[in-house]
Amino acid sequence: MDARDKQVLRSHRLELGAEVLVEGLVLQYLYQEGVLTENHVQEIKAQATGLRKTMLLLDILPSRGPKAFDAFLDSLQEFPWKTACVPLLDQCKPVQSLSHVGLLSSENVATLH
């Protein structure tokens, strides 16, 4: 992960930590994409609270290679809430570029703006 991506994660850490990012598809998507190992998933799930799980995920991501950040942003598209995610997505990559991975329909892209 490059320095800019690490800085973006760091600057949005509290906002993202307030959301329970590890429940649902985020962990499974990151595992599927090879960003997280099975050991990472187990270690994160073993944490006592959603906040601790999310913070551990945010601690692990910067060391997981160049595609970790983009995969993380893509995983956020699966959530029904957008409060903390939209500013992060808008800052990091054009929303239109996410539609090519099949995680955003053209209808959803319109609702994000």
N, C-alpha and C. Protein backbone atom coordinates (compact mmCIF):
# COMPACT_ATOMS: atom_id res chain seq x y z
N MET A 1 0.85 -1.17 0.00
CA MET A 1 0.00 0.00 0.00
C MET A 1 0.90 1.23 0.00
N ASP A 2 0.58 2.17 -0.86
CA ASP A 2 1.45 3.35 -0.93
C ASP A 2 1.15 4.33 0.21
N ALA A 3 2.02 5.30 0.38
CA ALA A 3 1.94 6.23 1.50
C ALA A 3 0.64 7.03 1.50
N ARG A 4 0.16 7.42 0.33
CA ARG A 4 -1.08 8.19 0.24
C ARG A 4 -2.26 7.36 0.76
N ASP A 5 -2.33 6.10 0.37
CA ASP A 5 -3.42 5.23 0.82
C ASP A 5 -3.36 5.02 2.33
N LYS A 6 -2.15 4.84 2.85
CA LYS A 6 -2.00 4.69 4.31
C LYS A 6 -2.48 5.95 5.03
N GLN A 7 -2.16 7.11 4.48
CA GLN A 7 -2.59 8.36 5.08
C GLN A 7 -4.11 8.50 5.05
N VAL A 8 -4.73 8.08 3.97
CA VAL A 8 -6.19 8.15 3.88
C VAL A 8 -6.82 7.26 4.95
N LEU A 9 -6.31 6.05 5.10
CA LEU A 9 -6.83 5.16 6.14
C LEU A 9 -6.65 5.78 7.52
N ARG A 10 -5.48 6.34 7.75
CA ARG A 10 -5.19 6.95 9.04
C ARG A 10 -6.12 8.14 9.31
N SER A 11 -6.34 8.97 8.31
CA SER A 11 -7.16 10.16 8.51
C SER A 11 -8.64 9.84 8.68
N HIS A 12 -9.08 8.67 8.24
CA HIS A 12 -10.48 8.27 8.38
C HIS A 12 -10.66 7.17 9.43
N ARG A 13 -9.64 6.91 10.20
CA ARG A 13 -9.64 5.80 11.15
C ARG A 13 -10.80 5.89 12.15
N LEU A 14 -11.02 7.04 12.75
CA LEU A 14 -12.09 7.17 13.74
C LEU A 14 -13.47 7.00 13.11
N GLU A 15 -13.66 7.58 11.94
CA GLU A 15 -14.94 7.43 11.24
C GLU A 15 -15.20 5.97 10.91
N LEU A 16 -14.20 5.31 10.36
CA LEU A 16 -14.36 3.91 9.99
C LEU A 16 -14.49 3.03 11.22
N GLY A 17 -13.77 3.37 12.29
CA GLY A 17 -13.86 2.60 13.52
C GLY A 17 -15.23 2.68 14.16
N ALA A 18 -15.93 3.79 13.94
CA ALA A 18 -17.27 3.94 14.49
C ALA A 18 -18.27 3.02 13.82
N GLU A 19 -17.95 2.57 12.63
CA GLU A 19 -18.79 1.63 11.90
C GLU A 19 -18.26 0.22 12.15
N VAL A 20 -19.13 -0.75 12.17
CA VAL A 20 -18.67 -2.12 12.35
C VAL A 20 -18.40 -2.70 10.96
N LEU A 21 -17.15 -2.54 10.53
CA LEU A 21 -16.79 -2.92 9.16
C LEU A 21 -16.58 -4.42 8.98
N VAL A 22 -16.36 -5.13 10.06
CA VAL A 22 -15.98 -6.53 9.92
C VAL A 22 -17.17 -7.48 9.94
N GLU A 23 -18.34 -6.98 10.23
CA GLU A 23 -19.52 -7.83 10.15
C GLU A 23 -19.99 -7.82 8.70
N GLY A 24 -20.41 -8.94 8.21
CA GLY A 24 -20.88 -8.99 6.85
C GLY A 24 -19.79 -9.44 5.88
N LEU A 25 -19.72 -8.77 4.75
CA LEU A 25 -18.91 -9.26 3.65
C LEU A 25 -17.49 -8.71 3.56
N VAL A 26 -17.15 -7.72 4.34
CA VAL A 26 -15.83 -7.09 4.19
C VAL A 26 -14.71 -8.10 4.38
N LEU A 27 -14.71 -8.82 5.50
CA LEU A 27 -13.63 -9.78 5.76
C LEU A 27 -13.59 -10.86 4.69
N GLN A 28 -14.76 -11.38 4.34
CA GLN A 28 -14.80 -12.46 3.35
C GLN A 28 -14.32 -11.98 1.98
N TYR A 29 -14.70 -10.77 1.61
CA TYR A 29 -14.24 -10.21 0.34
C TYR A 29 -12.72 -10.04 0.33
N LEU A 30 -12.18 -9.51 1.42
CA LEU A 30 -10.73 -9.30 1.50
C LEU A 30 -9.98 -10.64 1.52
N TYR A 31 -10.56 -11.64 2.13
CA TYR A 31 -9.98 -12.98 2.11
C TYR A 31 -10.03 -13.55 0.69
N GLN A 32 -11.17 -13.41 0.05
CA GLN A 32 -11.34 -13.90 -1.33
C GLN A 32 -10.32 -13.27 -2.28
N GLU A 33 -10.05 -11.98 -2.08
CA GLU A 33 -9.13 -11.26 -2.95
C GLU A 33 -7.67 -11.47 -2.58
N GLY A 34 -7.40 -12.25 -1.55
CA GLY A 34 -6.02 -12.53 -1.15
C GLY A 34 -5.37 -11.44 -0.34
N VAL A 35 -6.16 -10.48 0.11
CA VAL A 35 -5.63 -9.39 0.94
C VAL A 35 -5.39 -9.90 2.36
N LEU A 36 -6.34 -10.67 2.88
CA LEU A 36 -6.21 -11.24 4.21
C LEU A 36 -5.97 -12.74 4.10
N THR A 37 -5.22 -13.27 5.05
CA THR A 37 -5.03 -14.71 5.14
C THR A 37 -6.11 -15.29 6.06
N GLU A 38 -6.21 -16.59 6.08
CA GLU A 38 -7.15 -17.24 6.99
C GLU A 38 -6.81 -16.89 8.44
N ASN A 39 -5.52 -16.82 8.76
CA ASN A 39 -5.10 -16.44 10.11
C ASN A 39 -5.54 -15.02 10.46
N HIS A 40 -5.44 -14.10 9.50
CA HIS A 40 -5.91 -12.73 9.74
C HIS A 40 -7.40 -12.73 10.08
N VAL A 41 -8.18 -13.45 9.28
CA VAL A 41 -9.63 -13.50 9.49
C VAL A 41 -9.95 -14.05 10.87
N GLN A 42 -9.28 -15.13 11.26
CA GLN A 42 -9.52 -15.72 12.57
C GLN A 42 -9.12 -14.78 13.69
N GLU A 43 -7.98 -14.11 13.54
CA GLU A 43 -7.51 -13.18 14.56
C GLU A 43 -8.48 -12.01 14.72
N ILE A 44 -8.98 -11.49 13.61
CA ILE A 44 -9.94 -10.38 13.66
C ILE A 44 -11.24 -10.83 14.31
N LYS A 45 -11.76 -11.98 13.90
CA LYS A 45 -13.02 -12.48 14.46
C LYS A 45 -12.90 -12.78 15.95
N ALA A 46 -11.71 -13.07 16.42
CA ALA A 46 -11.50 -13.40 17.84
C ALA A 46 -11.56 -12.19 18.76
N GLN A 47 -11.53 -11.00 18.20
CA GLN A 47 -11.58 -9.79 19.01
C GLN A 47 -12.96 -9.67 19.68
N ALA A 48 -12.99 -9.08 20.86
CA ALA A 48 -14.19 -9.06 21.69
C ALA A 48 -15.29 -8.13 21.18
N THR A 49 -14.94 -7.02 20.55
CA THR A 49 -15.96 -6.06 20.13
C THR A 49 -15.79 -5.72 18.65
N GLY A 50 -16.84 -5.17 18.08
CA GLY A 50 -16.79 -4.73 16.70
C GLY A 50 -15.72 -3.67 16.48
N LEU A 51 -15.59 -2.76 17.44
CA LEU A 51 -14.58 -1.72 17.34
C LEU A 51 -13.18 -2.31 17.30
N ARG A 52 -12.89 -3.25 18.18
CA ARG A 52 -11.57 -3.88 18.19
C ARG A 52 -11.31 -4.66 16.89
N LYS A 53 -12.35 -5.31 16.38
CA LYS A 53 -12.21 -6.04 15.12
C LYS A 53 -11.86 -5.08 13.99
N THR A 54 -12.59 -3.98 13.93
CA THR A 54 -12.36 -2.99 12.87
C THR A 54 -10.98 -2.37 12.99
N MET A 55 -10.58 -2.02 14.20
CA MET A 55 -9.26 -1.41 14.40
C MET A 55 -8.14 -2.38 14.02
N LEU A 56 -8.31 -3.65 14.34
CA LEU A 56 -7.29 -4.63 13.95
C LEU A 56 -7.23 -4.75 12.42
N LEU A 57 -8.37 -4.76 11.78
CA LEU A 57 -8.38 -4.78 10.31
C LEU A 57 -7.64 -3.58 9.75
N LEU A 58 -7.92 -2.40 10.29
CA LEU A 58 -7.25 -1.18 9.82
C LEU A 58 -5.75 -1.20 10.11
N ASP A 59 -5.34 -1.91 11.17
CA ASP A 59 -3.91 -2.07 11.47
C ASP A 59 -3.23 -3.02 10.49
N ILE A 60 -3.95 -4.05 10.08
CA ILE A 60 -3.38 -5.08 9.19
C ILE A 60 -3.29 -4.59 7.74
N LEU A 61 -4.29 -3.89 7.26
CA LEU A 61 -4.37 -3.52 5.84
C LEU A 61 -3.12 -2.87 5.25
N PRO A 62 -2.49 -1.91 5.92
CA PRO A 62 -1.34 -1.24 5.29
C PRO A 62 -0.18 -2.17 4.94
N SER A 63 -0.09 -3.31 5.59
CA SER A 63 1.03 -4.22 5.32
C SER A 63 0.67 -5.32 4.32
N ARG A 64 -0.51 -5.23 3.70
CA ARG A 64 -0.98 -6.32 2.87
C ARG A 64 -0.81 -6.12 1.36
N GLY A 65 0.06 -5.25 0.98
CA GLY A 65 0.40 -5.13 -0.43
C GLY A 65 -0.34 -4.03 -1.17
N PRO A 66 0.03 -3.84 -2.44
CA PRO A 66 -0.47 -2.71 -3.22
C PRO A 66 -1.96 -2.77 -3.57
N LYS A 67 -2.54 -3.96 -3.63
CA LYS A 67 -3.96 -4.02 -3.98
C LYS A 67 -4.89 -3.99 -2.77
N ALA A 68 -4.32 -3.96 -1.56
CA ALA A 68 -5.12 -4.02 -0.34
C ALA A 68 -6.08 -2.84 -0.22
N PHE A 69 -5.61 -1.65 -0.51
CA PHE A 69 -6.45 -0.46 -0.35
C PHE A 69 -7.62 -0.48 -1.32
N ASP A 70 -7.37 -0.76 -2.59
CA ASP A 70 -8.46 -0.80 -3.57
C ASP A 70 -9.46 -1.90 -3.23
N ALA A 71 -8.97 -3.05 -2.79
CA ALA A 71 -9.87 -4.13 -2.41
C ALA A 71 -10.72 -3.73 -1.21
N PHE A 72 -10.12 -3.02 -0.27
CA PHE A 72 -10.87 -2.53 0.88
C PHE A 72 -11.96 -1.56 0.45
N LEU A 73 -11.63 -0.62 -0.41
CA LEU A 73 -12.65 0.31 -0.91
C LEU A 73 -13.77 -0.43 -1.64
N ASP A 74 -13.40 -1.41 -2.44
CA ASP A 74 -14.41 -2.19 -3.14
C ASP A 74 -15.31 -2.93 -2.16
N SER A 75 -14.73 -3.46 -1.08
CA SER A 75 -15.53 -4.19 -0.10
C SER A 75 -16.55 -3.29 0.59
N LEU A 76 -16.24 -2.02 0.73
CA LEU A 76 -17.16 -1.10 1.40
C LEU A 76 -18.45 -0.90 0.60
N GLN A 77 -18.40 -1.15 -0.68
CA GLN A 77 -19.58 -0.98 -1.54
C GLN A 77 -20.69 -1.95 -1.18
N GLU A 78 -20.37 -3.02 -0.48
CA GLU A 78 -21.37 -4.03 -0.13
C GLU A 78 -22.23 -3.63 1.06
N PHE A 79 -21.91 -2.51 1.71
CA PHE A 79 -22.63 -2.12 2.90
C PHE A 79 -23.85 -1.28 2.58
N PRO A 80 -24.94 -1.45 3.35
CA PRO A 80 -26.13 -0.63 3.13
C PRO A 80 -25.96 0.80 3.63
N TRP A 81 -25.04 1.05 4.51
CA TRP A 81 -24.80 2.40 5.01
C TRP A 81 -23.69 3.04 4.21
N LYS A 82 -23.69 4.36 4.19
CA LYS A 82 -22.69 5.06 3.40
C LYS A 82 -22.05 6.20 4.18
N THR A 83 -22.44 6.43 5.39
CA THR A 83 -22.02 7.60 6.15
C THR A 83 -20.51 7.81 6.16
N ALA A 84 -19.76 6.86 6.66
CA ALA A 84 -18.31 7.00 6.73
C ALA A 84 -17.64 6.66 5.42
N CYS A 85 -18.29 5.85 4.61
CA CYS A 85 -17.65 5.35 3.39
C CYS A 85 -17.62 6.34 2.25
N VAL A 86 -18.69 7.10 2.07
CA VAL A 86 -18.76 8.00 0.91
C VAL A 86 -17.63 9.02 0.90
N PRO A 87 -17.33 9.71 2.01
CA PRO A 87 -16.20 10.65 1.96
C PRO A 87 -14.88 9.95 1.65
N LEU A 88 -14.71 8.77 2.18
CA LEU A 88 -13.49 8.00 1.91
C LEU A 88 -13.42 7.62 0.44
N LEU A 89 -14.51 7.14 -0.09
CA LEU A 89 -14.53 6.75 -1.51
C LEU A 89 -14.34 7.95 -2.42
N ASP A 90 -15.00 9.05 -2.09
CA ASP A 90 -14.87 10.24 -2.92
C ASP A 90 -13.44 10.77 -2.92
N GLN A 91 -12.77 10.68 -1.78
CA GLN A 91 -11.40 11.17 -1.68
C GLN A 91 -10.41 10.27 -2.41
N CYS A 92 -10.72 8.98 -2.48
CA CYS A 92 -9.73 8.02 -2.94
C CYS A 92 -9.80 7.64 -4.40
N LYS A 93 -10.97 7.47 -4.92
CA LYS A 93 -11.05 7.04 -6.31
C LYS A 93 -12.39 7.43 -6.87
N PRO A 94 -12.44 7.76 -8.14
CA PRO A 94 -13.71 8.16 -8.74
C PRO A 94 -14.74 7.05 -8.60
N VAL A 95 -15.95 7.41 -8.23
CA VAL A 95 -17.01 6.43 -8.03
C VAL A 95 -17.27 5.65 -9.31
N GLN A 96 -17.16 6.31 -10.46
CA GLN A 96 -17.41 5.62 -11.71
C GLN A 96 -16.46 4.45 -11.90
N SER A 97 -15.25 4.53 -11.38
CA SER A 97 -14.30 3.43 -11.58
C SER A 97 -14.70 2.20 -10.79
N LEU A 98 -15.54 2.34 -9.76
CA LEU A 98 -15.99 1.20 -8.99
C LEU A 98 -17.07 0.40 -9.71
N SER A 99 -17.77 1.03 -10.63
CA SER A 99 -18.84 0.32 -11.31
C SER A 99 -18.31 -0.80 -12.20
N HIS A 100 -17.06 -0.71 -12.63
CA HIS A 100 -16.52 -1.75 -13.51
C HIS A 100 -16.28 -3.06 -12.78
N VAL A 101 -16.19 -3.06 -11.47
CA VAL A 101 -15.96 -4.30 -10.74
C VAL A 101 -17.26 -4.99 -10.38
N GLY A 102 -18.39 -4.40 -10.78
CA GLY A 102 -19.67 -5.03 -10.54
C GLY A 102 -20.22 -4.81 -9.15
N LEU A 103 -19.60 -3.97 -8.36
CA LEU A 103 -20.07 -3.73 -7.01
C LEU A 103 -21.02 -2.56 -6.93
N LEU A 104 -21.02 -1.73 -7.97
CA LEU A 104 -21.94 -0.61 -8.02
C LEU A 104 -22.70 -0.66 -9.33
N SER A 105 -24.00 -0.56 -9.24
CA SER A 105 -24.78 -0.43 -10.46
C SER A 105 -24.82 1.04 -10.82
N SER A 106 -25.23 1.34 -12.02
CA SER A 106 -25.32 2.75 -12.41
C SER A 106 -26.33 3.48 -11.55
N GLU A 107 -27.36 2.77 -11.06
CA GLU A 107 -28.34 3.39 -10.16
C GLU A 107 -27.69 3.78 -8.84
N ASN A 108 -26.85 2.91 -8.29
CA ASN A 108 -26.16 3.19 -7.03
C ASN A 108 -25.15 4.30 -7.19
N VAL A 109 -24.49 4.38 -8.32
CA VAL A 109 -23.53 5.45 -8.56
C VAL A 109 -24.23 6.79 -8.48
N ALA A 110 -25.42 6.87 -9.06
CA ALA A 110 -26.16 8.13 -9.04
C ALA A 110 -26.54 8.53 -7.62
N THR A 111 -26.87 7.54 -6.75
CA THR A 111 -27.28 7.88 -5.39
C THR A 111 -26.13 8.29 -4.52
N LEU A 112 -24.88 8.00 -4.89
CA LEU A 112 -23.73 8.38 -4.10
C LEU A 112 -23.35 9.84 -4.28
N HIS A 113 -23.82 10.45 -5.34
CA HIS A 113 -23.46 11.87 -5.58
C HIS A 113 -24.51 12.79 -5.14
